[in-house]
Protein backbone atom coordinates (compact mmCIF):
# COMPACT_ATOMS: atom_id res chain seq x y z
CA MET A 1 -19.44 -7.35 -1.59
CA GLY A 2 -15.88 -6.29 -0.71
CA ILE A 3 -15.60 -4.20 2.46
CA LEU A 4 -12.85 -1.73 1.03
CA THR A 5 -14.48 0.86 -1.16
CA ASP A 6 -12.85 3.86 -2.73
CA THR A 7 -14.83 6.83 -1.36
CA ARG A 8 -13.13 9.43 -3.41
CA THR A 9 -13.73 13.01 -3.49
CA PRO A 10 -13.10 15.52 -6.14
CA ALA A 11 -9.53 16.86 -6.53
CA THR A 12 -8.77 20.09 -4.60
CA PRO A 13 -8.58 22.98 -6.88
CA VAL A 14 -5.61 25.12 -6.99
CA ALA A 15 -6.02 28.77 -8.22
CA THR A 16 -3.63 29.82 -11.07
CA GLY A 17 -4.07 33.10 -12.76
CA GLY A 18 -7.96 32.99 -12.39
CA ALA A 19 -8.29 29.31 -13.42
CA GLN A 20 -8.44 26.31 -11.38
CA THR A 21 -5.93 23.58 -11.77
CA MET A 22 -7.03 20.09 -10.75
CA THR A 23 -4.16 17.53 -9.99
CA PHE A 24 -4.73 13.79 -10.78
CA ILE A 25 -2.98 10.37 -11.07
CA LEU A 26 -4.18 8.18 -13.81
CA THR A 27 -3.29 4.35 -13.61
CA VAL A 28 -3.59 2.11 -16.62
CA SER A 29 -3.24 -1.61 -17.29
CA CYS A 30 -4.13 -3.49 -20.44
CA PRO A 31 -2.95 -5.92 -23.10
CA VAL A 32 0.16 -4.84 -24.97
CA ARG A 33 -0.52 -3.17 -28.34
CA SER A 34 0.78 -0.16 -30.17
CA GLY A 35 -0.77 3.33 -29.87
CA ILE A 36 -1.66 3.11 -26.05
CA VAL A 37 0.69 6.19 -25.09
CA ALA A 38 -0.37 8.22 -28.02
CA ALA A 39 -4.01 7.57 -27.29
CA ILE A 40 -3.62 8.44 -23.62
CA SER A 41 -1.61 11.62 -24.21
CA THR A 42 -3.60 12.97 -27.10
CA TYR A 43 -6.92 12.44 -24.89
CA LEU A 44 -5.34 14.41 -22.10
CA ALA A 45 -3.99 17.19 -24.36
CA GLU A 46 -7.35 17.50 -25.86
CA GLN A 47 -8.82 17.96 -22.38
CA GLY A 48 -6.35 20.68 -21.60
CA CYS A 49 -4.32 18.54 -19.35
CA ASN A 50 -0.64 18.85 -18.73
CA ILE A 51 1.38 15.81 -17.96
CA HIS A 52 3.96 16.30 -15.19
CA ASP A 53 5.30 12.72 -14.61
CA SER A 54 4.96 9.43 -16.54
CA ALA A 55 6.06 5.80 -16.05
CA GLN A 56 5.34 2.73 -18.19
CA PHE A 57 6.29 -1.02 -18.55
CA SER A 58 5.31 -3.61 -20.92
CA ASP A 59 5.53 -7.21 -19.73
CA LEU A 60 5.79 -9.01 -22.92
CA ALA A 61 5.83 -12.52 -21.53
CA ASN A 62 2.40 -11.90 -20.04
CA ASP A 63 1.00 -9.37 -22.67
CA ARG A 64 0.38 -6.81 -20.15
CA PHE A 65 1.14 -3.16 -20.25
CA PHE A 66 1.11 -0.78 -17.06
CA MET A 67 1.26 3.01 -16.93
CA ARG A 68 1.00 5.73 -14.42
CA LEU A 69 0.76 9.27 -15.19
CA SER A 70 0.61 12.52 -13.00
CA PHE A 71 -0.96 15.33 -14.44
CA SER A 72 -2.92 18.70 -14.07
CA SER A 73 -6.31 19.71 -15.57
CA GLU A 74 -5.68 23.32 -16.31
CA GLN A 75 -9.21 23.90 -17.34
CA GLY A 76 -10.60 22.39 -14.20
CA ARG A 77 -12.04 19.32 -15.60
CA SER A 78 -13.42 17.14 -12.94
CA ARG A 79 -12.47 13.56 -12.24
CA GLU A 80 -16.05 12.38 -13.22
CA ALA A 81 -15.79 14.34 -16.53
CA LEU A 82 -12.28 12.92 -17.53
CA GLU A 83 -13.33 9.36 -16.63
CA GLN A 84 -16.62 9.57 -18.81
CA GLY A 85 -14.59 11.03 -21.69
CA PHE A 86 -11.80 8.37 -21.36
CA ALA A 87 -14.20 5.45 -21.27
CA ALA A 88 -14.42 5.06 -25.04
CA ILE A 89 -10.67 4.98 -25.49
CA ALA A 90 -10.42 2.43 -22.65
CA GLY A 91 -12.97 0.29 -24.20
CA ALA A 92 -11.30 0.12 -27.52
CA LEU A 93 -7.98 -0.72 -25.75
CA GLU A 94 -9.40 -3.18 -23.13
CA MET A 95 -7.98 -0.95 -20.47
CA GLU A 96 -8.34 -1.19 -16.69
CA PHE A 97 -8.09 2.45 -15.62
CA ASP A 98 -8.76 4.76 -12.76
CA PHE A 99 -8.30 8.67 -12.03
CA HIS A 100 -7.24 9.34 -8.42
CA ASP A 101 -7.04 12.60 -6.45
CA PRO A 102 -3.53 12.55 -4.94
CA ARG A 103 -4.55 14.97 -2.20
CA ARG A 104 -7.09 12.75 -0.63
CA LYS A 105 -5.71 10.78 2.14
CA MET A 106 -6.20 7.09 2.11
CA LYS A 107 -8.03 5.52 5.09
CA VAL A 108 -5.84 2.73 6.67
CA ALA A 109 -6.28 0.42 9.42
CA ILE A 110 -3.38 -1.22 11.19
CA MET A 111 -3.21 -4.62 12.86
CA VAL A 112 -0.56 -5.29 15.42
CA SER A 113 0.35 -7.97 18.07
CA ARG A 114 3.21 -7.50 20.59
CA PHE A 115 6.10 -6.03 18.56
CA GLY A 116 5.36 -2.38 18.33
CA HIS A 117 8.23 -0.81 16.32
CA CYS A 118 6.51 -0.82 12.89
CA LEU A 119 3.19 0.70 14.35
CA ASN A 120 5.22 3.41 16.05
CA ASP A 121 6.89 4.27 13.03
CA LEU A 122 3.79 4.51 10.98
CA LEU A 123 2.10 6.67 13.70
CA TYR A 124 5.09 8.98 13.42
CA ARG A 125 5.04 9.21 9.62
CA SER A 126 1.49 9.62 9.57
CA ARG A 127 1.69 12.39 12.05
CA ILE A 128 4.40 14.50 10.16
CA GLY A 129 2.79 13.87 6.74
CA ALA A 130 5.61 11.72 5.67
CA LEU A 131 2.83 9.02 4.93
CA PRO A 132 -0.16 10.93 3.99
CA VAL A 133 -2.72 8.73 5.18
CA GLU A 134 -5.76 8.71 7.66
CA ILE A 135 -5.26 5.93 10.24
CA VAL A 136 -8.94 5.11 11.11
CA ALA A 137 -8.45 2.09 13.32
CA VAL A 138 -5.59 -0.07 15.15
CA ILE A 139 -6.67 -3.70 15.92
CA SER A 140 -4.82 -5.92 18.17
CA ASN A 141 -5.04 -9.23 19.88
CA HIS A 142 -3.23 -7.69 22.96
CA GLN A 143 -3.57 -4.34 25.13
CA ASP A 144 0.12 -3.30 24.79
CA TYR A 145 -0.25 -0.28 22.61
CA GLN A 146 -3.85 0.93 23.65
CA LYS A 147 -2.39 3.92 25.35
CA VAL A 148 0.00 5.22 22.65
CA VAL A 149 -2.72 4.73 19.96
CA VAL A 150 -5.39 6.54 21.90
CA ASN A 151 -2.99 9.41 22.65
CA HIS A 152 -2.95 9.79 18.75
CA ASP A 153 -6.69 10.13 18.80
CA ILE A 154 -7.20 6.98 16.98
CA PRO A 155 -9.59 4.13 17.98
CA TYR A 156 -7.97 1.07 19.37
CA HIS A 157 -9.62 -2.20 19.38
CA CYS A 158 -8.47 -5.29 21.32
CA ILE A 159 -9.87 -8.24 19.94
CA LYS A 160 -8.50 -11.66 21.63
CA VAL A 161 -7.76 -14.43 19.14
CA THR A 162 -7.87 -18.11 20.19
CA LYS A 163 -8.33 -21.35 18.24
CA ASP A 164 -11.79 -21.57 19.46
CA ASN A 165 -12.95 -18.05 18.82
CA LYS A 166 -11.10 -17.23 15.58
CA PRO A 167 -14.24 -17.02 13.35
CA GLU A 168 -16.07 -14.67 15.67
CA ALA A 169 -12.88 -12.60 16.25
CA GLU A 170 -12.42 -12.15 12.49
CA ALA A 171 -16.15 -11.42 12.10
CA GLU A 172 -15.64 -8.40 14.70
CA GLN A 173 -12.42 -7.20 12.88
CA MET A 174 -14.27 -7.27 9.74
CA ARG A 175 -17.12 -5.05 11.25
CA ILE A 176 -14.60 -2.65 12.50
CA LEU A 177 -13.07 -2.48 8.99
CA ARG A 178 -16.23 -1.95 7.28
CA GLU A 179 -17.69 0.81 9.77
CA SER A 180 -14.32 2.64 9.69
CA GLY A 181 -14.18 2.75 5.88
CA ALA A 182 -10.64 1.50 5.77
CA GLU A 183 -9.32 0.97 2.24
CA LEU A 184 -6.06 -0.51 3.14
CA VAL A 185 -5.24 -2.93 5.90
CA VAL A 186 -1.68 -3.00 7.20
CA LEU A 187 -0.19 -6.16 9.17
CA ALA A 188 2.48 -4.32 11.21
CA ARG A 189 3.91 -7.58 12.77
CA TYR A 190 0.43 -8.97 13.41
CA MET A 191 1.09 -12.47 14.42
CA GLN A 192 -2.06 -14.24 13.51
CA VAL A 193 -2.83 -15.87 10.11
CA LEU A 194 -5.91 -14.46 8.45
CA SER A 195 -8.57 -16.81 6.87
CA ASP A 196 -8.68 -17.54 3.28
CA GLU A 197 -12.00 -15.72 3.13
CA MET A 198 -10.67 -12.58 4.43
CA CYS A 199 -7.54 -12.79 2.24
CA THR A 200 -10.07 -13.24 -0.72
CA GLU A 201 -12.37 -10.47 0.03
CA MET A 202 -9.60 -7.84 0.51
CA SER A 203 -7.29 -9.13 -2.14
CA GLY A 204 -4.69 -6.47 -3.04
CA ARG A 205 -5.78 -4.29 -0.17
CA ILE A 206 -3.74 -5.99 2.74
CA ILE A 207 -0.02 -5.45 3.09
CA ASN A 208 2.02 -7.64 5.59
CA ILE A 209 5.58 -7.12 6.80
CA HIS A 210 7.51 -10.43 7.07
CA HIS A 211 10.81 -10.35 8.66
CA SER A 212 12.93 -12.22 6.32
CA PHE A 213 14.11 -11.75 2.77
CA LEU A 214 11.30 -13.80 1.02
CA PRO A 215 11.18 -16.37 -0.36
CA SER A 216 13.78 -17.50 2.17
CA PHE A 217 12.73 -18.33 5.87
CA LYS A 218 8.77 -18.33 5.55
CA GLY A 219 6.51 -19.06 8.51
CA ALA A 220 7.23 -18.61 12.07
CA ASN A 221 10.66 -17.54 13.73
CA PRO A 222 12.50 -16.60 10.44
CA TYR A 223 15.34 -14.79 12.39
CA LYS A 224 15.88 -18.03 14.19
CA GLN A 225 15.86 -20.11 10.89
CA ALA A 226 18.43 -17.52 9.43
CA TYR A 227 20.65 -17.89 12.43
CA GLU A 228 20.59 -21.57 12.38
CA ARG A 229 21.45 -21.56 8.46
CA GLY A 230 24.54 -19.04 9.11
CA VAL A 231 23.33 -16.33 6.59
CA MET A 232 25.39 -13.09 6.30
CA LEU A 233 22.30 -11.05 5.25
CA ILE A 234 19.03 -10.78 6.96
CA GLY A 235 16.17 -8.69 5.58
CA ALA A 236 12.57 -7.89 5.49
CA THR A 237 9.71 -8.08 2.87
CA ALA A 238 6.51 -6.15 2.42
CA HIS A 239 3.85 -8.02 0.45
CA TYR A 240 0.26 -8.35 -0.39
CA VAL A 241 -1.55 -10.97 1.58
CA THR A 242 -2.93 -13.88 -0.18
CA ALA A 243 -4.46 -17.28 1.28
CA ASP A 244 -1.00 -18.79 0.76
CA LEU A 245 1.09 -17.80 3.81
CA ASP A 246 4.15 -15.52 2.88
CA GLU A 247 3.51 -16.06 -0.89
CA GLY A 248 1.92 -12.82 -1.81
CA PRO A 249 3.14 -10.36 -4.61
CA ILE A 250 6.29 -8.53 -3.09
CA ILE A 251 6.17 -4.73 -3.09
CA GLU A 252 9.42 -3.94 -1.24
CA GLN A 253 12.53 -5.56 0.25
CA ASP A 254 15.67 -4.60 1.93
CA VAL A 255 18.72 -6.29 3.73
CA ILE A 256 21.25 -5.73 6.44
CA ARG A 257 24.48 -7.47 7.07
CA VAL A 258 25.18 -9.71 9.94
CA THR A 259 28.12 -11.75 11.05
CA HIS A 260 28.95 -15.09 12.64
CA ALA A 261 29.41 -13.30 16.14
CA GLN A 262 25.93 -12.28 16.37
CA SER A 263 23.01 -14.20 18.02
CA ALA A 264 19.46 -14.59 16.95
CA SER A 265 18.36 -12.10 19.41
CA ASP A 266 20.76 -9.64 17.87
CA TYR A 267 18.98 -10.57 14.53
CA VAL A 268 15.72 -9.53 16.03
CA SER A 269 17.07 -6.23 17.26
CA LEU A 270 18.95 -5.40 13.91
CA GLY A 271 15.91 -6.43 11.95
CA ARG A 272 13.54 -3.90 13.52
CA ASP A 273 14.82 -0.77 11.59
CA VAL A 274 14.80 -2.69 8.27
CA GLU A 275 11.13 -3.92 8.83
CA SER A 276 9.94 -0.48 9.62
CA GLN A 277 11.44 1.09 6.53
CA VAL A 278 10.45 -1.51 4.19
CA LEU A 279 6.81 -1.40 5.37
CA SER A 280 6.59 2.36 5.28
CA ARG A 281 8.12 2.51 1.68
CA ALA A 282 5.57 -0.25 0.52
CA ILE A 283 2.58 1.74 1.99
CA HIS A 284 4.05 4.83 0.44
CA ALA A 285 4.15 3.21 -3.00
CA HIS A 286 0.53 1.71 -2.55
CA ILE A 287 -1.02 4.81 -1.52
CA HIS A 288 0.46 7.08 -4.32
CA ARG A 289 -1.01 4.29 -6.70
CA ARG A 290 2.60 3.40 -7.95
CA VAL A 291 1.91 -0.62 -7.45
CA PHE A 292 0.27 -2.77 -9.92
CA ILE A 293 -0.30 -6.56 -9.22
CA ASN A 294 0.97 -8.55 -12.03
CA GLY A 295 -0.01 -12.12 -11.51
CA ASN A 296 2.27 -13.32 -8.47
CA LYS A 297 4.61 -10.28 -8.86
CA THR A 298 4.11 -6.33 -8.83
CA VAL A 299 5.23 -3.57 -11.03
CA VAL A 300 6.35 -0.69 -8.74
CA PHE A 301 6.88 2.62 -10.35
CA PRO A 302 9.16 5.32 -9.04
CA ALA A 303 7.66 8.18 -7.08
CA SER A 304 6.61 11.39 -8.70
CA PRO A 305 8.49 14.70 -7.81
CA GLY A 306 7.42 15.89 -4.31
CA GLU A 307 5.77 12.78 -3.21
CA TYR A 308 8.31 12.08 -0.41
CA ALA A 309 7.92 15.52 0.95
CA SER A 310 6.51 15.88 4.48
CA GLU A 311 4.30 18.17 5.72
CA ARG A 312 6.28 19.05 8.79
CA MET A 313 9.66 18.07 10.19
CA GLY A 314 8.59 16.50 13.51
C-alpha cells in the first residue's frame, strides 16, 4: 500500500445569515467529450453550490480534460454527500475526481542535506501562513539543521546514508513518513538518489528542486556544468520525482541572468533565491490542488483569489 494517504476532515463551516457555508475545491480529469462543464455546473447548482473560480484545459493530443473549481455549498452540504451524489455523473463521463477542503493543511515532510536555504525558506513561509502546510518531519543525512528545526517544534531525524546501509536508511525514512502521516515529501536540496521502489510507491507526491533549468544540466554539479558551457541564464526546476533521475513532470521553473565575469561559485550564490522561490511556488500549487500530472508533463492552473494571502506578515 502507498504510505501517503489523504486523511481529510470535513470542511470548516462559515456561518452566513444563519446558514452554514462550506468551501471546497473540486478536481476532475477525464477523456475529452462534450457536456463535461455543463454536467458539473448543473450538478453543483442543483446541490445549492456557488462556483467562485474555475479553470479548465483540454489536451486534445492525448484526449484528456482537466478542471479545477473552487465553490461554496451554501446549503451546508458535506463533502461526503457531494461525492456520493457526483459519483453517477463521474461514472458516465469516466472521470477521476475529488472534493478537497482548502482549509485543511496538508502534512508535509522535508528532506535536506547540507544546503539549507530552501529549508529555511519553507520554515518561514509555513510559519507566517504563506504556505499553509503542517510540516510533520524533517529528515536529513546530516546534523547541520537539527537546532533550527527543533526550534520550530518540528521533529528532526538524522539518518546517515552510505552505499552499504542505503536500503536500511530508506526503510527508516519510510517508517517516519508513515508514522508522521506525511502526504507530500519535499526534497529541499536532498542530495541522495531515492530508490526506484520509493519513487514508485509515492508517485506524484514527492517534489524535488533541481538547481538548473531542466532539461539542461541534469545530474550532479549543474552550476559547474552551466559555467563550463558559458550560459547567460541559470535557473531552477521543481518537478515530481520519478525513478528516472531529473526526468519527472515539471511543475515550476525560473531563471536569473549571469555574465561571463561570474564564476561557478557566483552561480551557486545567485541560484539560492531562484531555487527557494521556484520550490515554494511548486509546493503552493500542489497543496492547493492546482497541479495535474499529464503523462510526463503537468497542467498547472492559476491560483484562486485569496490563495496567496498570508495569515500574518512575519
